[in-house]
């Protein structure tokens, strides 16, 4: 369980393929505080730490994870948003995030709003996921509020701090991101039979 509040950016220093699996080696500022079997969110994907060596930790993505996320597009040198699992008693500053990516989306537009930046994303509506205006969405592990919701598009407004301290500073039109839709909003909307 996570909050969607990114702790730090990690750097992918090595990628190894083994059968259908991909092993990722990540350099981060909190590696020495990690333990084997600990869950860490990588751009919103919950992966288990399987090895630690100095400032680098190793995680493995299996075929199912690769099919539903953007991990297959990652390269050595890429940065990833990192968050360690929520501890009981911590403040929940973002929203409840499971680290289970629902699908990917593509950035379609970026607009400067003189103090904030609006990002618009498009996703495959056939998978029947939904956004709710003023509801929560997780983009590459970052907890955000939806400001504009359509059938298969939505926008978010990013404050300067988030822009500087997450992958949003690297996004361009055409960038693929991981989405985890709001569990509570998705459940309520489906039960009530509301639109998109």
C-alpha atoms as a PDB file:
ATOM      1  CA  UNK A   1       0.000   0.000   0.000  1.00  0.00           C
ATOM      2  CA  UNK A   2       1.290   3.464  -0.954  1.00  0.00           C
ATOM      3  CA  UNK A   3       0.156   7.084  -0.828  1.00  0.00           C
ATOM      4  CA  UNK A   4       1.288   8.342  -4.228  1.00  0.00           C
ATOM      5  CA  UNK A   5       3.689  10.831  -2.642  1.00  0.00           C
ATOM      6  CA  UNK A   6       6.967  10.284  -4.500  1.00  0.00           C
ATOM      7  CA  UNK A   7       9.954  10.110  -2.127  1.00  0.00           C
ATOM      8  CA  UNK A   8      12.798  10.324  -4.603  1.00  0.00           C
ATOM      9  CA  UNK A   9      13.853   9.676  -8.174  1.00  0.00           C
ATOM     10  CA  UNK A  10      15.871   6.531  -8.810  1.00  0.00           C
ATOM     11  CA  UNK A  11      18.121   5.809 -11.786  1.00  0.00           C
ATOM     12  CA  UNK A  12      18.010   2.554 -13.739  1.00  0.00           C
ATOM     13  CA  UNK A  13      21.651   1.420 -13.887  1.00  0.00           C
ATOM     14  CA  UNK A  14      21.178  -2.028 -15.430  1.00  0.00           C
ATOM     15  CA  UNK A  15      18.479  -4.163 -17.046  1.00  0.00           C
ATOM     16  CA  UNK A  16      18.752  -7.927 -17.491  1.00  0.00           C
ATOM     17  CA  UNK A  17      16.301 -10.204 -19.302  1.00  0.00           C
ATOM     18  CA  UNK A  18      15.824 -13.778 -18.121  1.00  0.00           C
ATOM     19  CA  UNK A  19      13.215 -15.853 -19.976  1.00  0.00           C
ATOM     20  CA  UNK A  20       9.984 -13.788 -19.672  1.00  0.00           C
ATOM     21  CA  UNK A  21      11.282 -11.765 -16.701  1.00  0.00           C
ATOM     22  CA  UNK A  22      13.107  -8.432 -16.569  1.00  0.00           C
ATOM     23  CA  UNK A  23      15.500  -7.657 -13.704  1.00  0.00           C
ATOM     24  CA  UNK A  24      15.909  -3.966 -12.961  1.00  0.00           C
ATOM     25  CA  UNK A  25      18.802  -2.494 -10.987  1.00  0.00           C
ATOM     26  CA  UNK A  26      17.918   0.857  -9.436  1.00  0.00           C
ATOM     27  CA  UNK A  27      20.255   3.366  -7.764  1.00  0.00           C
ATOM     28  CA  UNK A  28      18.490   5.462  -5.120  1.00  0.00           C
ATOM     29  CA  UNK A  29      19.133   7.618  -2.076  1.00  0.00           C
ATOM     30  CA  UNK A  30      17.232   5.243   0.226  1.00  0.00           C
ATOM     31  CA  UNK A  31      18.686   1.903  -0.930  1.00  0.00           C
ATOM     32  CA  UNK A  32      20.629   1.403   2.319  1.00  0.00           C
ATOM     33  CA  UNK A  33      17.355   1.670   4.284  1.00  0.00           C
ATOM     34  CA  UNK A  34      15.701  -1.114   2.244  1.00  0.00           C
ATOM     35  CA  UNK A  35      15.368  -4.782   3.138  1.00  0.00           C
ATOM     36  CA  UNK A  36      14.996  -7.866   0.965  1.00  0.00           C
ATOM     37  CA  UNK A  37      11.257  -8.632   0.363  1.00  0.00           C
ATOM     38  CA  UNK A  38      10.274  -4.980   0.852  1.00  0.00           C
ATOM     39  CA  UNK A  39       7.758  -3.469  -1.596  1.00  0.00           C
ATOM     40  CA  UNK A  40       8.711  -0.325  -3.499  1.00  0.00           C
ATOM     41  CA  UNK A  41       6.606   1.602  -6.013  1.00  0.00           C
ATOM     42  CA  UNK A  42       8.456   2.248  -9.315  1.00  0.00           C
ATOM     43  CA  UNK A  43       6.447   4.682 -11.462  1.00  0.00           C
ATOM     44  CA  UNK A  44       3.401   3.269  -9.698  1.00  0.00           C
ATOM     45  CA  UNK A  45       4.383  -0.393 -10.134  1.00  0.00           C
ATOM     46  CA  UNK A  46       4.752  -2.328  -6.880  1.00  0.00           C
ATOM     47  CA  UNK A  47       7.880  -4.502  -7.145  1.00  0.00           C
ATOM     48  CA  UNK A  48       9.663  -6.529  -4.470  1.00  0.00           C
ATOM     49  CA  UNK A  49      13.301  -5.895  -3.557  1.00  0.00           C
ATOM     50  CA  UNK A  50      15.199  -9.125  -4.246  1.00  0.00           C
ATOM     51  CA  UNK A  51      18.827  -7.983  -3.808  1.00  0.00           C
ATOM     52  CA  UNK A  52      20.770  -5.007  -2.445  1.00  0.00           C
ATOM     53  CA  UNK A  53      24.346  -3.977  -3.273  1.00  0.00           C
ATOM     54  CA  UNK A  54      25.575  -0.680  -1.798  1.00  0.00           C
ATOM     55  CA  UNK A  55      23.393   2.068  -3.349  1.00  0.00           C
ATOM     56  CA  UNK A  56      21.708  -0.233  -5.900  1.00  0.00           C
ATOM     57  CA  UNK A  57      18.738  -2.541  -5.364  1.00  0.00           C
ATOM     58  CA  UNK A  58      17.307  -5.170  -7.678  1.00  0.00           C
ATOM     59  CA  UNK A  59      13.657  -5.922  -8.502  1.00  0.00           C
ATOM     60  CA  UNK A  60      12.073  -8.312 -10.986  1.00  0.00           C
ATOM     61  CA  UNK A  61       9.117  -7.686 -13.298  1.00  0.00           C
ATOM     62  CA  UNK A  62       7.283 -10.781 -14.557  1.00  0.00           C
ATOM     63  CA  UNK A  63       5.411 -11.152 -17.867  1.00  0.00           C
ATOM     64  CA  UNK A  64       2.024 -10.089 -16.420  1.00  0.00           C
ATOM     65  CA  UNK A  65       3.566  -6.868 -15.088  1.00  0.00           C
ATOM     66  CA  UNK A  66       5.321  -6.178 -18.384  1.00  0.00           C
ATOM     67  CA  UNK A  67       2.046  -6.570 -20.306  1.00  0.00           C
ATOM     68  CA  UNK A  68       0.173  -3.983 -18.202  1.00  0.00           C
ATOM     69  CA  UNK A  69       2.839  -1.345 -17.561  1.00  0.00           C
ATOM     70  CA  UNK A  70       5.405   0.805 -19.338  1.00  0.00           C
ATOM     71  CA  UNK A  71       8.368  -1.162 -17.930  1.00  0.00           C
ATOM     72  CA  UNK A  72       9.117  -2.671 -21.340  1.00  0.00           C
ATOM     73  CA  UNK A  73       9.964   0.837 -22.587  1.00  0.00           C
ATOM     74  CA  UNK A  74      12.418   1.618 -19.782  1.00  0.00           C
ATOM     75  CA  UNK A  75      16.138   1.946 -20.542  1.00  0.00           C
ATOM     76  CA  UNK A  76      19.391   2.210 -18.619  1.00  0.00           C
ATOM     77  CA  UNK A  77      19.775   5.828 -17.510  1.00  0.00           C
ATOM     78  CA  UNK A  78      16.028   6.451 -17.180  1.00  0.00           C
ATOM     79  CA  UNK A  79      14.721   7.963 -13.954  1.00  0.00           C
ATOM     80  CA  UNK A  80      11.792   6.432 -12.059  1.00  0.00           C
ATOM     81  CA  UNK A  81       9.523   7.793  -9.325  1.00  0.00           C
ATOM     82  CA  UNK A  82      10.123   5.804  -6.118  1.00  0.00           C
ATOM     83  CA  UNK A  83       8.023   5.396  -2.967  1.00  0.00           C
ATOM     84  CA  UNK A  84       8.407   2.905  -0.151  1.00  0.00           C
ATOM     85  CA  UNK A  85       5.347   1.183   1.308  1.00  0.00           C
ATOM     86  CA  UNK A  86       3.115   2.995   3.790  1.00  0.00           C
ATOM     87  CA  UNK A  87       3.810   2.314   7.479  1.00  0.00           C
ATOM     88  CA  UNK A  88       0.919   1.975   9.918  1.00  0.00           C
ATOM     89  CA  UNK A  89       0.506   5.253  11.755  1.00  0.00           C
ATOM     90  CA  UNK A  90       1.858   7.374   8.864  1.00  0.00           C
ATOM     91  CA  UNK A  91      -0.133  10.285   7.520  1.00  0.00           C
ATOM     92  CA  UNK A  92      -1.970   9.524   4.288  1.00  0.00           C
ATOM     93  CA  UNK A  93      -0.972  12.665   2.386  1.00  0.00           C
ATOM     94  CA  UNK A  94      -1.943  11.431  -1.081  1.00  0.00           C
ATOM     95  CA  UNK A  95      -4.628   8.776  -1.477  1.00  0.00           C
ATOM     96  CA  UNK A  96      -4.818   4.998  -1.144  1.00  0.00           C
ATOM     97  CA  UNK A  97      -2.580   3.542  -3.866  1.00  0.00           C
ATOM     98  CA  UNK A  98      -2.117  -0.201  -4.284  1.00  0.00           C
ATOM     99  CA  UNK A  99       0.795  -0.170  -6.703  1.00  0.00           C
ATOM    100  CA  UNK A 100      -1.239  -2.279  -9.146  1.00  0.00           C
ATOM    101  CA  UNK A 101      -1.198  -0.536 -12.524  1.00  0.00           C
ATOM    102  CA  UNK A 102      -4.529  -0.724 -14.360  1.00  0.00           C
ATOM    103  CA  UNK A 103      -3.221   0.347 -17.765  1.00  0.00           C
ATOM    104  CA  UNK A 104      -1.011   2.845 -19.546  1.00  0.00           C
ATOM    105  CA  UNK A 105      -1.866   6.224 -21.072  1.00  0.00           C
ATOM    106  CA  UNK A 106      -0.179   8.604 -23.483  1.00  0.00           C
ATOM    107  CA  UNK A 107       0.469  12.296 -22.843  1.00  0.00           C
ATOM    108  CA  UNK A 108      -1.473  14.259 -25.458  1.00  0.00           C
ATOM    109  CA  UNK A 109      -0.983  17.879 -24.377  1.00  0.00           C
ATOM    110  CA  UNK A 110       1.091  20.027 -22.020  1.00  0.00           C
ATOM    111  CA  UNK A 111       0.103  23.631 -21.268  1.00  0.00           C
ATOM    112  CA  UNK A 112       1.808  26.218 -19.086  1.00  0.00           C
ATOM    113  CA  UNK A 113      -0.734  28.019 -16.897  1.00  0.00           C
ATOM    114  CA  UNK A 114       1.644  30.615 -15.376  1.00  0.00           C
ATOM    115  CA  UNK A 115       2.175  28.964 -12.014  1.00  0.00           C
ATOM    116  CA  UNK A 116       1.033  25.449 -12.796  1.00  0.00           C
ATOM    117  CA  UNK A 117       1.236  23.081 -15.755  1.00  0.00           C
ATOM    118  CA  UNK A 118      -1.686  21.161 -17.241  1.00  0.00           C
ATOM    119  CA  UNK A 119      -1.037  17.671 -18.615  1.00  0.00           C
ATOM    120  CA  UNK A 120      -3.689  15.842 -20.651  1.00  0.00           C
ATOM    121  CA  UNK A 121      -3.589  12.057 -21.031  1.00  0.00           C
ATOM    122  CA  UNK A 122      -5.473   9.624 -23.261  1.00  0.00           C
ATOM    123  CA  UNK A 123      -6.095   5.970 -22.401  1.00  0.00           C
ATOM    124  CA  UNK A 124      -7.899   2.978 -23.928  1.00  0.00           C
ATOM    125  CA  UNK A 125     -11.554   3.238 -22.839  1.00  0.00           C
ATOM    126  CA  UNK A 126     -12.209  -0.381 -23.890  1.00  0.00           C
ATOM    127  CA  UNK A 127     -10.657  -1.517 -20.588  1.00  0.00           C
ATOM    128  CA  UNK A 128     -13.587   0.235 -18.827  1.00  0.00           C
ATOM    129  CA  UNK A 129     -11.495   2.226 -16.364  1.00  0.00           C
ATOM    130  CA  UNK A 130     -12.846   5.615 -15.356  1.00  0.00           C
ATOM    131  CA  UNK A 131     -11.793   8.980 -14.002  1.00  0.00           C
ATOM    132  CA  UNK A 132     -13.909  11.297 -11.894  1.00  0.00           C
ATOM    133  CA  UNK A 133     -13.496  15.059 -11.962  1.00  0.00           C
ATOM    134  CA  UNK A 134     -11.942  16.141  -8.637  1.00  0.00           C
ATOM    135  CA  UNK A 135     -11.238  12.451  -7.917  1.00  0.00           C
ATOM    136  CA  UNK A 136      -7.794  10.916  -7.517  1.00  0.00           C
ATOM    137  CA  UNK A 137      -5.580   9.315 -10.154  1.00  0.00           C
ATOM    138  CA  UNK A 138      -2.080   7.875  -9.875  1.00  0.00           C
ATOM    139  CA  UNK A 139       0.265   8.691 -12.768  1.00  0.00           C
ATOM    140  CA  UNK A 140       3.625   6.890 -12.634  1.00  0.00           C
ATOM    141  CA  UNK A 141       3.120   6.537  -8.884  1.00  0.00           C
ATOM    142  CA  UNK A 142       2.231  10.202  -8.276  1.00  0.00           C
ATOM    143  CA  UNK A 143      -1.083  10.913  -6.515  1.00  0.00           C
ATOM    144  CA  UNK A 144      -2.977  13.672  -8.342  1.00  0.00           C
ATOM    145  CA  UNK A 145      -6.427  15.221  -8.666  1.00  0.00           C
ATOM    146  CA  UNK A 146      -8.328  14.989 -11.953  1.00  0.00           C
ATOM    147  CA  UNK A 147      -9.322  18.469 -13.164  1.00  0.00           C
ATOM    148  CA  UNK A 148     -11.041  17.469 -16.383  1.00  0.00           C
ATOM    149  CA  UNK A 149     -12.539  14.057 -17.131  1.00  0.00           C
ATOM    150  CA  UNK A 150     -13.679  12.656 -20.470  1.00  0.00           C
ATOM    151  CA  UNK A 151     -14.577   9.212 -21.804  1.00  0.00           C
ATOM    152  CA  UNK A 152     -10.941   8.256 -22.405  1.00  0.00           C
ATOM    153  CA  UNK A 153      -9.058  11.428 -21.482  1.00  0.00           C
ATOM    154  CA  UNK A 154      -8.348  13.466 -18.388  1.00  0.00           C
ATOM    155  CA  UNK A 155      -6.161  16.355 -17.300  1.00  0.00           C
ATOM    156  CA  UNK A 156      -4.217  17.129 -14.146  1.00  0.00           C
ATOM    157  CA  UNK A 157      -2.709  20.407 -12.931  1.00  0.00           C
ATOM    158  CA  UNK A 158       0.843  20.114 -11.602  1.00  0.00           C
ATOM    159  CA  UNK A 159       2.304  22.540  -9.068  1.00  0.00           C
ATOM    160  CA  UNK A 160       5.949  23.640  -9.522  1.00  0.00           C
ATOM    161  CA  UNK A 161       7.208  21.436  -6.642  1.00  0.00           C
ATOM    162  CA  UNK A 162       5.727  18.273  -8.191  1.00  0.00           C
ATOM    163  CA  UNK A 163       7.003  19.261 -11.632  1.00  0.00           C
ATOM    164  CA  UNK A 164      10.552  19.625 -10.298  1.00  0.00           C
ATOM    165  CA  UNK A 165      10.644  16.563  -8.025  1.00  0.00           C
ATOM    166  CA  UNK A 166       8.963  13.874 -10.153  1.00  0.00           C
ATOM    167  CA  UNK A 167       9.134  12.578 -13.707  1.00  0.00           C
ATOM    168  CA  UNK A 168       6.666  15.227 -14.863  1.00  0.00           C
ATOM    169  CA  UNK A 169       9.660  17.436 -15.689  1.00  0.00           C
ATOM    170  CA  UNK A 170      10.680  14.820 -18.287  1.00  0.00           C
ATOM    171  CA  UNK A 171       7.275  14.248 -19.917  1.00  0.00           C
ATOM    172  CA  UNK A 172       6.662  15.252 -23.509  1.00  0.00           C
ATOM    173  CA  UNK A 173       3.690  14.781 -25.811  1.00  0.00           C
ATOM    174  CA  UNK A 174       3.808  11.087 -26.660  1.00  0.00           C
ATOM    175  CA  UNK A 175       5.255   9.905 -23.316  1.00  0.00           C
ATOM    176  CA  UNK A 176       3.686   6.660 -22.045  1.00  0.00           C
ATOM    177  CA  UNK A 177       2.771   6.583 -18.340  1.00  0.00           C
ATOM    178  CA  UNK A 178       1.355   4.031 -15.892  1.00  0.00           C
ATOM    179  CA  UNK A 179      -2.131   4.652 -14.487  1.00  0.00           C
ATOM    180  CA  UNK A 180      -3.773   3.368 -11.340  1.00  0.00           C
ATOM    181  CA  UNK A 181      -7.368   4.549 -11.157  1.00  0.00           C
ATOM    182  CA  UNK A 182      -8.907   5.578  -7.828  1.00  0.00           C
ATOM    183  CA  UNK A 183     -10.150   2.376  -6.184  1.00  0.00           C
ATOM    184  CA  UNK A 184     -12.936   4.120  -4.240  1.00  0.00           C
ATOM    185  CA  UNK A 185     -14.134   6.264  -7.138  1.00  0.00           C
ATOM    186  CA  UNK A 186     -14.050   3.356  -9.580  1.00  0.00           C
ATOM    187  CA  UNK A 187     -16.104   1.186  -7.252  1.00  0.00           C
ATOM    188  CA  UNK A 188     -18.708   3.857  -6.468  1.00  0.00           C
ATOM    189  CA  UNK A 189     -19.120   4.924 -10.073  1.00  0.00           C
ATOM    190  CA  UNK A 190     -19.606   1.372 -11.344  1.00  0.00           C
ATOM    191  CA  UNK A 191     -22.173   0.566  -8.657  1.00  0.00           C
ATOM    192  CA  UNK A 192     -24.126   3.733  -9.429  1.00  0.00           C
ATOM    193  CA  UNK A 193     -23.877   3.166 -13.193  1.00  0.00           C
ATOM    194  CA  UNK A 194     -22.604   6.696 -13.796  1.00  0.00           C
ATOM    195  CA  UNK A 195     -20.941   7.741 -17.073  1.00  0.00           C
ATOM    196  CA  UNK A 196     -17.186   7.982 -17.601  1.00  0.00           C
END
